[in-house]
Amino acid sequence: MADRLYGCIEAGGTKFVCAVARSPRDVRERVNLPTTDPAATLAQVVEFFRHMEAEHGAIAAFGVASFGPADVNSTSPRYGTILSTPKPGWSGFDIRGAIAEAFGVPVGFDTDVNGAVLAETMWGAARGVSSAAYVTVGTGIGVGIAIDGKAVHGKRHPEMGHIFPRRHPADLVFAGVCPFHGDCLEGLASGPAIKQRWAGPLSTLGSEEQDIIAFYLGQLAVTLIATLSPEAIVFGGGVLKTAGLLDRIKAAATALNKAYWCDDAEMEAVIRAPGLEQNSGLLGALLLAKLAEASVA
């Protein structure tokens, strides 16, 4: 129902973005809370939503669009649990269960990028296409995939941030920051990788450093095209706030593709900025809340 109030949680490695909303155009209040240890973080989350219920009325359902890896199988006893992660204290933590226990209402759960791709196909840059991918580049690198309006899970969920890209000729020494794989894509092109390698965010660096990161992300785009042939690839996340980076990614992908899968103009059209700006994950959480409510109706 249009007048129902929903709790929306975009659970990220750096911050939790929490909001109450009735629709994408009716987001009542939101707050950014730092991601620390699970107990302290969830205590702040619960406190925020308790205050929102006192001010705006009962919350009908929650949606959690979370960093991963996570158990997104709704039939699993670990549904909503964070799996092996480098974030201290979070491996094995049941985010969905903590929210459900605190509020006693349905709680939908998926990865942040799956939530984002669902929101972008419903309301944003991928609206009207049957197949799309959403890439976030920030604390980590994740990819969400939607086909015919449904997120792709498989045995668990896609982890395209941990593919192994071809190394850039000017970036052969850096070992990478991924504690599991070293120089996987996330280990080379995430925000922490950029900071450790060059001691600053990408937006403060020169064209050579930006071209290196674009080279890696262009490989991701071409890999997605070769394996899934999506009609849209949406790039978001904090690193993508770097001016001109999306154009560099398009140029890198075009050069790597060599007009094989599509011509240059089509490549330009497939790779897109988010239509929902920085709200893709949060509005994905809204969709997950609505789906969770509908599943028990």
Protein backbone atom coordinates (compact mmCIF):
# COMPACT_ATOMS: atom_id res chain seq x y z
CA MET A 1 0.00 0.00 0.00
CA ALA A 2 1.16 3.47 -0.85
CA ASP A 3 0.84 4.78 2.71
CA ARG A 4 2.91 2.02 4.31
CA LEU A 5 6.16 3.03 5.98
CA TYR A 6 9.30 0.98 5.30
CA GLY A 7 12.71 0.81 6.94
CA CYS A 8 15.58 0.92 4.44
CA ILE A 9 19.15 -0.08 5.30
CA GLU A 10 22.10 0.10 2.94
CA ALA A 11 24.75 -1.69 4.96
CA GLY A 12 28.19 -0.72 3.71
CA GLY A 13 31.72 -1.40 4.79
CA THR A 14 32.26 2.24 5.74
CA LYS A 15 28.77 3.38 6.71
CA PHE A 16 25.18 2.22 7.16
CA VAL A 17 22.71 4.46 5.34
CA CYS A 18 19.32 4.17 7.04
CA ALA A 19 16.03 5.76 6.03
CA VAL A 20 12.28 5.49 6.37
CA ALA A 21 10.29 5.80 3.17
CA ARG A 22 6.90 5.24 1.68
CA SER A 23 8.09 5.37 -1.93
CA PRO A 24 11.19 6.47 -3.90
CA ARG A 25 9.77 10.00 -3.95
CA ASP A 26 8.73 9.97 -0.31
CA VAL A 27 11.84 9.34 1.78
CA ARG A 28 10.99 10.87 5.15
CA GLU A 29 14.33 10.88 6.96
CA ARG A 30 17.77 9.35 6.53
CA VAL A 31 21.01 9.11 8.44
CA ASN A 32 24.56 7.88 7.85
CA LEU A 33 25.99 5.77 10.67
CA PRO A 34 29.63 4.64 10.78
CA THR A 35 30.29 0.93 10.34
CA THR A 36 32.21 -0.16 13.42
CA ASP A 37 31.74 -3.49 15.19
CA PRO A 38 28.40 -5.31 14.69
CA ALA A 39 26.97 -4.72 18.18
CA ALA A 40 27.69 -0.99 18.23
CA THR A 41 26.57 -0.46 14.65
CA LEU A 42 23.27 -2.33 15.04
CA ALA A 43 22.55 -0.56 18.31
CA GLN A 44 22.68 2.77 16.48
CA VAL A 45 20.56 1.39 13.64
CA VAL A 46 17.86 0.15 16.02
CA GLU A 47 17.91 3.41 17.95
CA PHE A 48 17.38 5.40 14.75
CA PHE A 49 14.40 3.33 13.64
CA ARG A 50 12.84 3.37 17.11
CA HIS A 51 12.95 7.16 16.92
CA MET A 52 11.48 7.07 13.40
CA GLU A 53 8.58 4.89 14.54
CA ALA A 54 7.85 7.29 17.41
CA GLU A 55 7.79 10.18 14.97
CA HIS A 56 6.27 8.68 11.79
CA GLY A 57 4.38 5.56 12.88
CA ALA A 58 4.90 1.81 12.67
CA ILE A 59 7.31 0.36 10.11
CA ALA A 60 5.64 -2.37 8.06
CA ALA A 61 8.80 -4.12 6.86
CA PHE A 62 12.53 -3.66 6.48
CA GLY A 63 14.88 -4.15 3.59
CA VAL A 64 18.62 -4.66 4.05
CA ALA A 65 20.94 -4.22 1.06
CA SER A 66 24.24 -5.35 2.53
CA PHE A 67 27.91 -5.62 1.78
CA GLY A 68 29.00 -9.17 1.14
CA PRO A 69 29.76 -11.89 0.88
CA ALA A 70 26.48 -12.85 2.49
CA ASP A 71 23.95 -15.67 2.53
CA VAL A 72 21.13 -14.45 0.28
CA ASN A 73 19.27 -17.78 0.01
CA SER A 74 15.90 -17.17 1.67
CA THR A 75 15.53 -20.89 2.45
CA SER A 76 18.89 -21.13 4.22
CA PRO A 77 19.12 -21.14 8.02
CA ARG A 78 21.89 -18.55 7.61
CA TYR A 79 19.81 -16.24 5.42
CA GLY A 80 20.91 -12.67 6.07
CA THR A 81 24.28 -13.63 7.59
CA ILE A 82 27.60 -12.11 6.56
CA LEU A 83 30.02 -14.80 5.40
CA SER A 84 33.85 -14.66 5.24
CA THR A 85 34.82 -10.99 5.11
CA PRO A 86 37.96 -8.99 5.89
CA LYS A 87 35.85 -6.61 8.00
CA PRO A 88 36.79 -7.45 11.61
CA GLY A 89 34.00 -9.01 13.66
CA TRP A 90 31.44 -9.21 10.86
CA SER A 91 32.00 -12.76 9.60
CA GLY A 92 29.05 -14.86 10.78
CA PHE A 93 26.97 -11.88 11.94
CA ASP A 94 23.24 -12.19 11.19
CA ILE A 95 22.17 -8.68 10.15
CA ARG A 96 18.72 -9.72 9.01
CA GLY A 97 18.07 -11.69 12.19
CA ALA A 98 19.11 -8.79 14.39
CA ILE A 99 16.62 -6.44 12.70
CA ALA A 100 13.83 -9.04 12.69
CA GLU A 101 14.33 -9.73 16.38
CA ALA A 102 14.30 -6.03 17.26
CA PHE A 103 11.14 -5.11 15.33
CA GLY A 104 9.18 -8.31 14.71
CA VAL A 105 8.25 -7.49 11.09
CA PRO A 106 9.29 -9.00 7.72
CA VAL A 107 12.88 -8.24 6.70
CA GLY A 108 14.08 -8.63 3.13
CA PHE A 109 17.78 -9.14 2.50
CA ASP A 110 20.18 -9.14 -0.43
CA THR A 111 23.55 -7.73 -1.35
CA ASP A 112 23.90 -3.98 -1.74
CA VAL A 113 24.68 -4.33 -5.44
CA ASN A 114 21.73 -6.65 -6.07
CA GLY A 115 19.51 -4.11 -4.35
CA ALA A 116 21.07 -1.34 -6.44
CA VAL A 117 20.58 -3.13 -9.75
CA LEU A 118 16.95 -3.87 -8.91
CA ALA A 119 16.35 -0.19 -8.08
CA GLU A 120 18.14 0.99 -11.23
CA THR A 121 16.03 -1.35 -13.40
CA MET A 122 12.84 -0.24 -11.67
CA TRP A 123 13.41 3.51 -11.45
CA GLY A 124 16.86 4.47 -12.75
CA ALA A 125 19.38 4.25 -15.58
CA ALA A 126 18.50 0.65 -16.52
CA ARG A 127 14.75 1.17 -16.60
CA GLY A 128 13.17 -0.65 -19.53
CA VAL A 129 15.93 -3.21 -20.11
CA SER A 130 15.60 -6.92 -19.38
CA SER A 131 19.24 -7.51 -18.36
CA ALA A 132 21.49 -5.20 -16.38
CA ALA A 133 24.52 -5.12 -14.09
CA TYR A 134 25.34 -2.66 -11.34
CA VAL A 135 28.99 -2.17 -10.35
CA THR A 136 29.97 -0.44 -7.15
CA VAL A 137 33.57 0.69 -6.65
CA GLY A 138 34.32 1.91 -3.16
CA THR A 139 35.55 0.14 -0.02
CA GLY A 140 35.20 -3.00 -2.12
CA ILE A 141 34.09 -3.85 -5.64
CA GLY A 142 30.81 -5.65 -6.14
CA VAL A 143 28.53 -6.48 -9.04
CA GLY A 144 24.80 -7.08 -8.95
CA ILE A 145 22.99 -8.64 -11.89
CA ALA A 146 19.30 -8.56 -12.71
CA ILE A 147 17.50 -10.47 -15.46
CA ASP A 148 13.82 -9.83 -16.10
CA GLY A 149 13.57 -7.85 -12.88
CA LYS A 150 15.03 -10.55 -10.62
CA ALA A 151 18.46 -10.57 -8.99
CA VAL A 152 20.82 -13.37 -10.03
CA HIS A 153 22.04 -15.44 -7.09
CA GLY A 154 23.21 -18.89 -8.19
CA LYS A 155 24.80 -21.01 -5.46
CA ARG A 156 25.50 -17.83 -3.48
CA HIS A 157 25.75 -14.54 -5.37
CA PRO A 158 28.15 -13.11 -7.96
CA GLU A 159 31.54 -11.93 -6.66
CA MET A 160 32.91 -10.24 -9.76
CA GLY A 161 35.10 -8.01 -7.64
CA HIS A 162 37.37 -11.01 -7.14
CA ILE A 163 38.16 -11.82 -10.75
CA PHE A 164 41.81 -11.59 -11.76
CA PRO A 165 42.39 -8.86 -14.35
CA ARG A 166 45.29 -8.44 -16.71
CA ARG A 167 47.86 -6.16 -15.05
CA HIS A 168 48.41 -2.69 -16.46
CA PRO A 169 51.97 -2.32 -17.84
CA ALA A 170 52.59 0.61 -15.49
CA ASP A 171 51.22 -1.25 -12.46
CA LEU A 172 53.15 -4.51 -12.26
CA VAL A 173 54.66 -4.19 -8.77
CA PHE A 174 51.75 -3.39 -6.45
CA ALA A 175 50.76 -6.61 -4.65
CA GLY A 176 47.12 -5.68 -4.07
CA VAL A 177 45.17 -5.31 -0.83
CA CYS A 178 42.69 -8.18 -0.91
CA PRO A 179 43.48 -10.38 2.13
CA PHE A 180 42.17 -13.41 0.24
CA HIS A 181 43.52 -12.95 -3.30
CA GLY A 182 46.03 -10.11 -3.31
CA ASP A 183 45.81 -8.62 -6.80
CA CYS A 184 42.24 -9.50 -7.75
CA LEU A 185 40.14 -6.65 -9.15
CA GLU A 186 39.13 -5.45 -5.68
CA GLY A 187 42.72 -5.77 -4.54
CA LEU A 188 43.86 -3.47 -7.34
CA ALA A 189 41.08 -0.98 -8.03
CA SER A 190 39.03 -0.48 -4.84
CA GLY A 191 39.24 2.66 -2.74
CA PRO A 192 41.62 1.09 -0.19
CA ALA A 193 43.85 -0.22 -3.01
CA ILE A 194 44.08 3.25 -4.54
CA LYS A 195 44.86 4.85 -1.20
CA GLN A 196 47.52 2.31 -0.24
CA ARG A 197 49.21 2.49 -3.63
CA TRP A 198 49.18 6.26 -4.11
CA ALA A 199 48.41 7.68 -0.63
CA GLY A 200 45.25 9.49 -1.66
CA PRO A 201 41.80 9.16 -3.27
CA LEU A 202 41.61 8.81 -7.05
CA SER A 203 39.97 12.22 -7.43
CA THR A 204 43.22 13.88 -6.26
CA LEU A 205 45.49 11.92 -8.60
CA GLY A 206 46.61 12.48 -12.17
CA SER A 207 45.58 11.02 -15.50
CA GLU A 208 48.09 8.15 -15.38
CA GLU A 209 46.70 6.78 -12.12
CA GLN A 210 43.13 7.28 -13.28
CA ASP A 211 43.87 5.48 -16.55
CA ILE A 212 45.25 2.51 -14.62
CA ILE A 213 42.06 2.18 -12.58
CA ALA A 214 39.93 2.69 -15.69
CA PHE A 215 41.90 -0.08 -17.42
CA TYR A 216 40.95 -2.53 -14.67
CA LEU A 217 37.31 -1.46 -14.57
CA GLY A 218 37.14 -1.54 -18.35
CA GLN A 219 38.21 -5.18 -18.17
CA LEU A 220 35.34 -5.81 -15.77
CA ALA A 221 32.90 -4.23 -18.23
CA VAL A 222 34.20 -6.37 -21.10
CA THR A 223 34.08 -9.49 -18.92
CA LEU A 224 30.45 -8.78 -18.04
CA ILE A 225 29.67 -8.23 -21.71
CA ALA A 226 31.41 -11.47 -22.75
CA THR A 227 29.73 -13.61 -20.08
CA LEU A 228 26.27 -12.07 -19.65
CA SER A 229 25.70 -9.66 -22.56
CA PRO A 230 23.78 -7.14 -20.41
CA GLU A 231 21.91 -4.29 -22.03
CA ALA A 232 23.17 -1.87 -19.37
CA ILE A 233 26.16 -1.75 -17.02
CA VAL A 234 25.73 0.93 -14.36
CA PHE A 235 28.87 2.09 -12.51
CA GLY A 236 28.45 3.65 -9.07
CA GLY A 237 30.18 3.93 -5.70
CA GLY A 238 32.51 6.44 -4.12
CA VAL A 239 35.43 5.99 -6.52
CA LEU A 240 33.13 6.77 -9.46
CA LYS A 241 32.66 10.28 -8.09
CA THR A 242 36.06 11.00 -9.68
CA ALA A 243 35.41 13.45 -12.50
CA GLY A 244 35.87 11.87 -15.92
CA LEU A 245 36.41 8.31 -14.64
CA LEU A 246 33.31 6.89 -16.31
CA ASP A 247 34.47 8.24 -19.67
CA ARG A 248 37.89 6.67 -19.09
CA ILE A 249 36.22 3.33 -18.32
CA LYS A 250 34.20 3.56 -21.53
CA ALA A 251 37.38 4.30 -23.50
CA ALA A 252 39.24 1.40 -21.89
CA ALA A 253 36.37 -1.02 -22.51
CA THR A 254 36.04 0.14 -26.11
CA ALA A 255 39.77 -0.39 -26.73
CA LEU A 256 39.69 -3.86 -25.16
CA ASN A 257 36.52 -4.92 -27.00
CA LYS A 258 37.97 -4.02 -30.43
CA ALA A 259 34.46 -3.78 -31.92
CA TYR A 260 33.89 -7.51 -31.35
CA TRP A 261 30.71 -7.62 -29.26
CA CYS A 262 29.38 -4.24 -30.32
CA ASP A 263 30.51 -1.11 -32.10
CA ASP A 264 31.95 1.86 -30.24
CA ALA A 265 28.66 3.75 -30.08
CA GLU A 266 26.88 0.77 -28.51
CA MET A 267 29.62 0.42 -25.92
CA GLU A 268 29.15 4.08 -25.06
CA ALA A 269 25.43 3.45 -24.52
CA VAL A 270 25.78 0.25 -22.47
CA ILE A 271 28.09 1.72 -19.78
CA ARG A 272 26.08 4.22 -17.74
CA ALA A 273 26.07 6.41 -14.66
CA PRO A 274 23.42 5.64 -12.02
CA GLY A 275 20.06 7.22 -12.67
CA LEU A 276 19.43 7.27 -8.92
CA GLU A 277 22.78 8.93 -8.16
CA GLN A 278 23.97 7.76 -4.72
CA ASN A 279 20.56 6.33 -3.74
CA SER A 280 20.61 3.09 -5.75
CA GLY A 281 21.40 0.83 -2.78
CA LEU A 282 19.05 2.60 -0.40
CA LEU A 283 16.13 2.42 -2.83
CA GLY A 284 17.06 -1.19 -3.47
CA ALA A 285 16.52 -1.75 0.25
CA LEU A 286 13.07 -0.18 -0.15
CA LEU A 287 12.25 -2.71 -2.86
CA LEU A 288 13.50 -5.56 -0.67
CA ALA A 289 11.24 -4.36 2.17
CA LYS A 290 8.21 -4.30 -0.11
CA LEU A 291 9.02 -7.77 -1.44
CA ALA A 292 9.44 -9.12 2.09
CA GLU A 293 6.08 -7.74 3.12
CA ALA A 294 4.39 -9.16 0.03
CA SER A 295 5.90 -12.61 0.64
CA VAL A 296 4.07 -12.99 3.96
CA ALA A 297 0.84 -11.29 2.96
